[in-house]
Amino acid sequence: MLWLKAFHLIFMVTWFAGMFYLPRLFVYHSMSDDQVSIDRFKIMERKLFFGIMTPGALLTLVFGFGLLISQPHWMQAGWMHAKLGLIFTLLIYHAWCFKLLVDFKHDRNKHSHVWFRWFNEAPVLALFAIVILAVVKPF
């Protein structure tokens, strides 16, 4: 079980690194007006999303399900239900990042850099809540 937990945490950190950095790239991309910068951001965003963020998400889920299978009693706990709800919300956020990535790819961004700065805060709040739920197990 400790190996599952270690890999779950490693890939969770990888996933969150992508969720923290991709919207920050969107901030700078939305502020760019020269083609060289725009093209560079498109490459960086694509590589981050498909090379780091998505594999991190998938492997976080794989090792998380492994932990749930090894500890089925966790599914009786309220903290786990709350954590899984937040993870589902993060998966929606991940999909939303993909939609934004596609919009930038096709030069269809409709949001300002200020909007992306606020958008960037959501995974921070989720991380705080998930870690507290998993460590403190308040209910």
N, C-alpha and C. Protein backbone atom coordinates (compact mmCIF):
# COMPACT_ATOMS: atom_id res chain seq x y z
N MET A 1 0.81 -1.19 0.00
CA MET A 1 0.00 0.00 0.00
C MET A 1 0.86 1.27 0.00
N LEU A 2 2.01 1.24 0.67
CA LEU A 2 2.85 2.44 0.72
C LEU A 2 3.40 2.81 -0.66
N TRP A 3 3.68 1.79 -1.48
CA TRP A 3 4.15 2.09 -2.85
C TRP A 3 3.03 2.75 -3.65
N LEU A 4 1.82 2.24 -3.50
CA LEU A 4 0.68 2.87 -4.19
C LEU A 4 0.52 4.32 -3.76
N LYS A 5 0.61 4.56 -2.45
CA LYS A 5 0.45 5.92 -1.92
C LYS A 5 1.57 6.84 -2.42
N ALA A 6 2.80 6.32 -2.45
CA ALA A 6 3.93 7.12 -2.92
C ALA A 6 3.73 7.52 -4.38
N PHE A 7 3.37 6.57 -5.22
CA PHE A 7 3.18 6.90 -6.64
C PHE A 7 1.94 7.78 -6.85
N HIS A 8 0.91 7.56 -6.05
CA HIS A 8 -0.27 8.42 -6.12
C HIS A 8 0.14 9.87 -5.83
N LEU A 9 0.93 10.08 -4.80
CA LEU A 9 1.37 11.42 -4.44
C LEU A 9 2.30 12.03 -5.49
N ILE A 10 3.22 11.23 -6.02
CA ILE A 10 4.15 11.72 -7.04
C ILE A 10 3.38 12.22 -8.26
N PHE A 11 2.42 11.42 -8.73
CA PHE A 11 1.69 11.82 -9.93
C PHE A 11 0.67 12.92 -9.64
N MET A 12 0.18 12.99 -8.39
CA MET A 12 -0.69 14.10 -8.00
C MET A 12 0.09 15.42 -8.06
N VAL A 13 1.33 15.40 -7.60
CA VAL A 13 2.17 16.60 -7.68
C VAL A 13 2.41 16.98 -9.15
N THR A 14 2.64 16.00 -9.99
CA THR A 14 2.84 16.25 -11.42
C THR A 14 1.59 16.88 -12.04
N TRP A 15 0.44 16.32 -11.72
CA TRP A 15 -0.83 16.83 -12.25
C TRP A 15 -1.05 18.27 -11.80
N PHE A 16 -0.85 18.51 -10.51
CA PHE A 16 -1.07 19.86 -10.00
C PHE A 16 -0.04 20.85 -10.55
N ALA A 17 1.16 20.41 -10.78
CA ALA A 17 2.15 21.31 -11.40
C ALA A 17 1.62 21.80 -12.74
N GLY A 18 1.05 20.90 -13.51
CA GLY A 18 0.45 21.29 -14.79
C GLY A 18 -0.75 22.19 -14.62
N MET A 19 -1.60 21.89 -13.63
CA MET A 19 -2.79 22.71 -13.41
C MET A 19 -2.46 24.10 -12.87
N PHE A 20 -1.31 24.22 -12.21
CA PHE A 20 -0.88 25.54 -11.75
C PHE A 20 -0.22 26.33 -12.88
N TYR A 21 0.53 25.63 -13.74
CA TYR A 21 1.33 26.34 -14.75
C TYR A 21 0.58 26.62 -16.04
N LEU A 22 -0.29 25.71 -16.48
CA LEU A 22 -0.99 25.92 -17.75
C LEU A 22 -1.83 27.21 -17.74
N PRO A 23 -2.66 27.44 -16.72
CA PRO A 23 -3.39 28.71 -16.73
C PRO A 23 -2.47 29.94 -16.66
N ARG A 24 -1.31 29.79 -16.03
CA ARG A 24 -0.35 30.90 -16.01
C ARG A 24 0.16 31.15 -17.43
N LEU A 25 0.41 30.08 -18.19
CA LEU A 25 0.78 30.26 -19.60
C LEU A 25 -0.35 30.95 -20.36
N PHE A 26 -1.60 30.59 -20.03
CA PHE A 26 -2.74 31.25 -20.67
C PHE A 26 -2.75 32.75 -20.37
N VAL A 27 -2.37 33.13 -19.15
CA VAL A 27 -2.29 34.56 -18.80
C VAL A 27 -1.36 35.26 -19.77
N TYR A 28 -0.15 34.73 -19.90
CA TYR A 28 0.85 35.38 -20.75
C TYR A 28 0.48 35.29 -22.23
N HIS A 29 -0.10 34.16 -22.62
CA HIS A 29 -0.51 34.00 -24.01
C HIS A 29 -1.57 35.04 -24.36
N SER A 30 -2.53 35.26 -23.46
CA SER A 30 -3.60 36.21 -23.74
C SER A 30 -3.09 37.65 -23.81
N MET A 31 -1.91 37.90 -23.25
CA MET A 31 -1.32 39.24 -23.28
C MET A 31 -0.39 39.42 -24.48
N SER A 32 -0.08 38.34 -25.20
CA SER A 32 0.87 38.40 -26.32
C SER A 32 0.21 38.97 -27.57
N ASP A 33 1.02 39.72 -28.31
CA ASP A 33 0.50 40.26 -29.56
C ASP A 33 1.43 40.04 -30.74
N ASP A 34 2.59 39.41 -30.50
CA ASP A 34 3.48 39.11 -31.64
C ASP A 34 3.40 37.62 -31.95
N GLN A 35 3.49 37.29 -33.22
CA GLN A 35 3.28 35.92 -33.69
C GLN A 35 4.30 34.94 -33.13
N VAL A 36 5.54 35.35 -32.96
CA VAL A 36 6.57 34.46 -32.42
C VAL A 36 6.18 34.00 -31.01
N SER A 37 5.76 34.94 -30.17
CA SER A 37 5.35 34.60 -28.81
C SER A 37 4.10 33.72 -28.82
N ILE A 38 3.14 34.07 -29.64
CA ILE A 38 1.89 33.30 -29.72
C ILE A 38 2.19 31.86 -30.12
N ASP A 39 3.03 31.67 -31.12
CA ASP A 39 3.39 30.32 -31.56
C ASP A 39 4.14 29.56 -30.48
N ARG A 40 5.02 30.25 -29.78
CA ARG A 40 5.78 29.62 -28.69
C ARG A 40 4.83 29.16 -27.57
N PHE A 41 3.88 30.01 -27.20
CA PHE A 41 2.93 29.63 -26.14
C PHE A 41 2.08 28.44 -26.57
N LYS A 42 1.68 28.38 -27.81
CA LYS A 42 0.90 27.24 -28.29
C LYS A 42 1.67 25.94 -28.12
N ILE A 43 2.95 25.96 -28.44
CA ILE A 43 3.78 24.76 -28.29
C ILE A 43 3.94 24.40 -26.81
N MET A 44 4.24 25.39 -25.98
CA MET A 44 4.44 25.14 -24.55
C MET A 44 3.16 24.60 -23.91
N GLU A 45 2.03 25.18 -24.26
CA GLU A 45 0.75 24.74 -23.68
C GLU A 45 0.44 23.30 -24.09
N ARG A 46 0.64 22.99 -25.36
CA ARG A 46 0.36 21.63 -25.85
C ARG A 46 1.25 20.61 -25.16
N LYS A 47 2.54 20.91 -25.08
CA LYS A 47 3.48 19.97 -24.45
C LYS A 47 3.18 19.79 -22.96
N LEU A 48 2.84 20.86 -22.28
CA LEU A 48 2.51 20.77 -20.87
C LEU A 48 1.24 19.94 -20.66
N PHE A 49 0.21 20.22 -21.45
CA PHE A 49 -1.05 19.53 -21.28
C PHE A 49 -0.93 18.04 -21.59
N PHE A 50 -0.33 17.71 -22.73
CA PHE A 50 -0.30 16.30 -23.15
C PHE A 50 0.90 15.53 -22.61
N GLY A 51 1.98 16.23 -22.28
CA GLY A 51 3.19 15.54 -21.83
C GLY A 51 3.34 15.43 -20.32
N ILE A 52 2.69 16.33 -19.58
CA ILE A 52 2.86 16.34 -18.12
C ILE A 52 1.51 16.26 -17.41
N MET A 53 0.63 17.20 -17.72
CA MET A 53 -0.61 17.34 -16.97
C MET A 53 -1.54 16.13 -17.14
N THR A 54 -1.81 15.72 -18.36
CA THR A 54 -2.73 14.61 -18.59
C THR A 54 -2.15 13.27 -18.11
N PRO A 55 -0.89 12.94 -18.42
CA PRO A 55 -0.35 11.70 -17.83
C PRO A 55 -0.35 11.74 -16.30
N GLY A 56 -0.07 12.90 -15.72
CA GLY A 56 -0.12 13.03 -14.26
C GLY A 56 -1.51 12.75 -13.73
N ALA A 57 -2.54 13.28 -14.40
CA ALA A 57 -3.92 13.06 -13.99
C ALA A 57 -4.28 11.58 -14.08
N LEU A 58 -3.96 10.97 -15.21
CA LEU A 58 -4.31 9.56 -15.41
C LEU A 58 -3.63 8.65 -14.39
N LEU A 59 -2.35 8.89 -14.15
CA LEU A 59 -1.63 8.04 -13.21
C LEU A 59 -2.03 8.32 -11.76
N THR A 60 -2.42 9.56 -11.47
CA THR A 60 -2.98 9.86 -10.15
C THR A 60 -4.24 9.04 -9.92
N LEU A 61 -5.10 8.99 -10.94
CA LEU A 61 -6.33 8.22 -10.83
C LEU A 61 -6.06 6.73 -10.72
N VAL A 62 -5.14 6.22 -11.50
CA VAL A 62 -4.82 4.79 -11.47
C VAL A 62 -4.33 4.39 -10.08
N PHE A 63 -3.37 5.12 -9.54
CA PHE A 63 -2.84 4.76 -8.22
C PHE A 63 -3.84 5.08 -7.11
N GLY A 64 -4.67 6.09 -7.30
CA GLY A 64 -5.73 6.38 -6.33
C GLY A 64 -6.76 5.25 -6.28
N PHE A 65 -7.14 4.74 -7.44
CA PHE A 65 -8.07 3.61 -7.45
C PHE A 65 -7.41 2.38 -6.84
N GLY A 66 -6.12 2.21 -7.08
CA GLY A 66 -5.39 1.11 -6.44
C GLY A 66 -5.46 1.21 -4.93
N LEU A 67 -5.31 2.43 -4.42
CA LEU A 67 -5.42 2.64 -2.97
C LEU A 67 -6.82 2.32 -2.47
N LEU A 68 -7.83 2.75 -3.22
CA LEU A 68 -9.21 2.46 -2.81
C LEU A 68 -9.50 0.97 -2.81
N ILE A 69 -8.95 0.26 -3.77
CA ILE A 69 -9.14 -1.20 -3.82
C ILE A 69 -8.44 -1.86 -2.62
N SER A 70 -7.27 -1.34 -2.27
CA SER A 70 -6.53 -1.93 -1.14
C SER A 70 -7.11 -1.53 0.22
N GLN A 71 -7.89 -0.45 0.25
CA GLN A 71 -8.49 0.06 1.50
C GLN A 71 -9.98 0.32 1.28
N PRO A 72 -10.78 -0.69 1.01
CA PRO A 72 -12.19 -0.46 0.65
C PRO A 72 -13.00 0.23 1.75
N HIS A 73 -12.56 0.13 3.00
CA HIS A 73 -13.30 0.79 4.09
C HIS A 73 -13.27 2.32 3.97
N TRP A 74 -12.33 2.86 3.22
CA TRP A 74 -12.29 4.31 3.01
C TRP A 74 -13.55 4.82 2.33
N MET A 75 -14.18 3.95 1.53
CA MET A 75 -15.39 4.36 0.82
C MET A 75 -16.57 4.57 1.76
N GLN A 76 -16.43 4.17 3.01
CA GLN A 76 -17.47 4.40 4.02
C GLN A 76 -17.32 5.75 4.69
N ALA A 77 -16.20 6.42 4.46
CA ALA A 77 -15.88 7.66 5.18
C ALA A 77 -16.35 8.89 4.41
N GLY A 78 -16.90 9.85 5.16
CA GLY A 78 -17.37 11.08 4.55
C GLY A 78 -16.26 11.88 3.90
N TRP A 79 -15.07 11.88 4.52
CA TRP A 79 -13.95 12.64 3.95
C TRP A 79 -13.60 12.14 2.57
N MET A 80 -13.72 10.81 2.35
CA MET A 80 -13.38 10.25 1.04
C MET A 80 -14.41 10.67 0.00
N HIS A 81 -15.68 10.71 0.39
CA HIS A 81 -16.71 11.17 -0.55
C HIS A 81 -16.46 12.63 -0.95
N ALA A 82 -16.09 13.45 0.03
CA ALA A 82 -15.78 14.86 -0.26
C ALA A 82 -14.56 14.96 -1.17
N LYS A 83 -13.54 14.17 -0.87
CA LYS A 83 -12.32 14.18 -1.69
C LYS A 83 -12.63 13.75 -3.12
N LEU A 84 -13.41 12.71 -3.28
CA LEU A 84 -13.76 12.24 -4.63
C LEU A 84 -14.58 13.29 -5.37
N GLY A 85 -15.44 14.01 -4.66
CA GLY A 85 -16.19 15.10 -5.29
C GLY A 85 -15.26 16.19 -5.80
N LEU A 86 -14.25 16.52 -4.99
CA LEU A 86 -13.28 17.53 -5.43
C LEU A 86 -12.45 17.04 -6.60
N ILE A 87 -12.11 15.76 -6.60
CA ILE A 87 -11.35 15.20 -7.72
C ILE A 87 -12.19 15.24 -9.00
N PHE A 88 -13.47 14.93 -8.88
CA PHE A 88 -14.36 15.03 -10.04
C PHE A 88 -14.38 16.47 -10.57
N THR A 89 -14.43 17.43 -9.65
CA THR A 89 -14.40 18.84 -10.02
C THR A 89 -13.09 19.19 -10.73
N LEU A 90 -11.98 18.63 -10.24
CA LEU A 90 -10.69 18.86 -10.90
C LEU A 90 -10.65 18.26 -12.30
N LEU A 91 -11.31 17.14 -12.49
CA LEU A 91 -11.37 16.55 -13.83
C LEU A 91 -12.16 17.45 -14.78
N ILE A 92 -13.19 18.10 -14.28
CA ILE A 92 -13.92 19.08 -15.09
C ILE A 92 -13.01 20.26 -15.40
N TYR A 93 -12.26 20.73 -14.41
CA TYR A 93 -11.30 21.82 -14.61
C TYR A 93 -10.27 21.43 -15.67
N HIS A 94 -9.79 20.19 -15.59
CA HIS A 94 -8.81 19.67 -16.55
C HIS A 94 -9.41 19.72 -17.97
N ALA A 95 -10.63 19.25 -18.11
CA ALA A 95 -11.30 19.28 -19.41
C ALA A 95 -11.50 20.72 -19.90
N TRP A 96 -11.81 21.62 -18.97
CA TRP A 96 -11.97 23.04 -19.32
C TRP A 96 -10.64 23.61 -19.82
N CYS A 97 -9.54 23.20 -19.18
CA CYS A 97 -8.21 23.63 -19.66
C CYS A 97 -7.98 23.14 -21.08
N PHE A 98 -8.43 21.92 -21.38
CA PHE A 98 -8.28 21.40 -22.74
C PHE A 98 -9.07 22.26 -23.73
N LYS A 99 -10.30 22.63 -23.36
CA LYS A 99 -11.11 23.48 -24.23
C LYS A 99 -10.41 24.82 -24.48
N LEU A 100 -9.85 25.40 -23.41
CA LEU A 100 -9.14 26.67 -23.55
C LEU A 100 -7.89 26.51 -24.42
N LEU A 101 -7.20 25.39 -24.27
CA LEU A 101 -6.03 25.07 -25.09
C LEU A 101 -6.42 25.04 -26.57
N VAL A 102 -7.52 24.38 -26.88
CA VAL A 102 -8.00 24.31 -28.27
C VAL A 102 -8.40 25.69 -28.78
N ASP A 103 -9.05 26.48 -27.91
CA ASP A 103 -9.41 27.85 -28.32
C ASP A 103 -8.16 28.66 -28.67
N PHE A 104 -7.13 28.58 -27.84
CA PHE A 104 -5.88 29.29 -28.15
C PHE A 104 -5.25 28.75 -29.43
N LYS A 105 -5.27 27.43 -29.59
CA LYS A 105 -4.68 26.82 -30.79
C LYS A 105 -5.30 27.40 -32.06
N HIS A 106 -6.61 27.65 -32.02
CA HIS A 106 -7.32 28.15 -33.19
C HIS A 106 -7.56 29.68 -33.12
N ASP A 107 -6.79 30.33 -32.24
CA ASP A 107 -6.87 31.79 -32.09
C ASP A 107 -8.30 32.28 -31.81
N ARG A 108 -8.98 31.54 -30.90
CA ARG A 108 -10.37 31.89 -30.54
C ARG A 108 -10.51 32.28 -29.07
N ASN A 109 -9.43 32.63 -28.42
CA ASN A 109 -9.53 32.99 -27.00
C ASN A 109 -10.44 34.20 -26.82
N LYS A 110 -11.35 34.09 -25.84
CA LYS A 110 -12.29 35.17 -25.56
C LYS A 110 -12.09 35.78 -24.18
N HIS A 111 -11.05 35.35 -23.46
CA HIS A 111 -10.87 35.77 -22.07
C HIS A 111 -9.65 36.68 -21.93
N SER A 112 -9.72 37.55 -20.95
CA SER A 112 -8.62 38.47 -20.67
C SER A 112 -7.59 37.80 -19.76
N HIS A 113 -6.44 38.41 -19.65
CA HIS A 113 -5.41 37.90 -18.74
C HIS A 113 -5.91 37.95 -17.30
N VAL A 114 -6.76 38.90 -16.97
CA VAL A 114 -7.31 38.99 -15.61
C VAL A 114 -8.20 37.79 -15.33
N TRP A 115 -9.02 37.39 -16.29
CA TRP A 115 -9.88 36.22 -16.13
C TRP A 115 -9.02 34.97 -15.88
N PHE A 116 -7.95 34.83 -16.66
CA PHE A 116 -7.07 33.66 -16.47
C PHE A 116 -6.37 33.69 -15.12
N ARG A 117 -6.06 34.87 -14.61
CA ARG A 117 -5.45 34.96 -13.28
C ARG A 117 -6.40 34.42 -12.22
N TRP A 118 -7.68 34.70 -12.32
CA TRP A 118 -8.67 34.15 -11.39
C TRP A 118 -8.87 32.66 -11.62
N PHE A 119 -8.92 32.27 -12.89
CA PHE A 119 -9.09 30.85 -13.24
C PHE A 119 -7.95 30.02 -12.65
N ASN A 120 -6.78 30.60 -12.57
CA ASN A 120 -5.59 29.93 -12.06
C ASN A 120 -5.68 29.59 -10.57
N GLU A 121 -6.59 30.23 -9.85
CA GLU A 121 -6.67 30.04 -8.40
C GLU A 121 -7.47 28.80 -7.99
N ALA A 122 -8.34 28.31 -8.84
CA ALA A 122 -9.21 27.18 -8.48
C ALA A 122 -8.45 25.93 -8.02
N PRO A 123 -7.42 25.48 -8.74
CA PRO A 123 -6.75 24.27 -8.27
C PRO A 123 -6.02 24.46 -6.94
N VAL A 124 -5.64 25.69 -6.63
CA VAL A 124 -4.99 25.96 -5.34
C VAL A 124 -5.97 25.66 -4.20
N LEU A 125 -7.19 26.14 -4.34
CA LEU A 125 -8.21 25.89 -3.32
C LEU A 125 -8.52 24.40 -3.21
N ALA A 126 -8.62 23.73 -4.35
CA ALA A 126 -8.89 22.29 -4.34
C ALA A 126 -7.75 21.52 -3.66
N LEU A 127 -6.52 21.92 -3.93
CA LEU A 127 -5.38 21.24 -3.32
C LEU A 127 -5.43 21.35 -1.80
N PHE A 128 -5.67 22.54 -1.29
CA PHE A 128 -5.78 22.73 0.15
C PHE A 128 -6.84 21.79 0.74
N ALA A 129 -8.01 21.80 0.14
CA ALA A 129 -9.11 20.99 0.66
C ALA A 129 -8.81 19.50 0.58
N ILE A 130 -8.26 19.04 -0.53
CA ILE A 130 -7.98 17.61 -0.71
C ILE A 130 -6.93 17.14 0.28
N VAL A 131 -5.86 17.90 0.44
CA VAL A 131 -4.82 17.50 1.39
C VAL A 131 -5.36 17.46 2.81
N ILE A 132 -6.14 18.47 3.19
CA ILE A 132 -6.72 18.48 4.54
C ILE A 132 -7.65 17.28 4.73
N LEU A 133 -8.48 17.00 3.74
CA LEU A 133 -9.38 15.85 3.85
C LEU A 133 -8.62 14.54 3.98
N ALA A 134 -7.56 14.36 3.17
CA ALA A 134 -6.82 13.10 3.19
C ALA A 134 -5.95 12.93 4.42
N VAL A 135 -5.45 14.01 4.96
CA VAL A 135 -4.54 13.91 6.12
C VAL A 135 -5.30 13.98 7.44
N VAL A 136 -6.18 14.96 7.57
CA VAL A 136 -6.89 15.18 8.83
C VAL A 136 -8.09 14.24 8.97
N LYS A 137 -8.71 13.89 7.84
CA LYS A 137 -9.90 13.03 7.83
C LYS A 137 -10.94 13.57 8.83
N PRO A 138 -11.44 14.79 8.60
CA PRO A 138 -12.28 15.47 9.60
C PRO A 138 -13.66 14.84 9.83
N PHE A 139 -14.12 14.01 8.92
CA PHE A 139 -15.43 13.36 9.12
C PHE A 139 -15.49 12.06 8.35
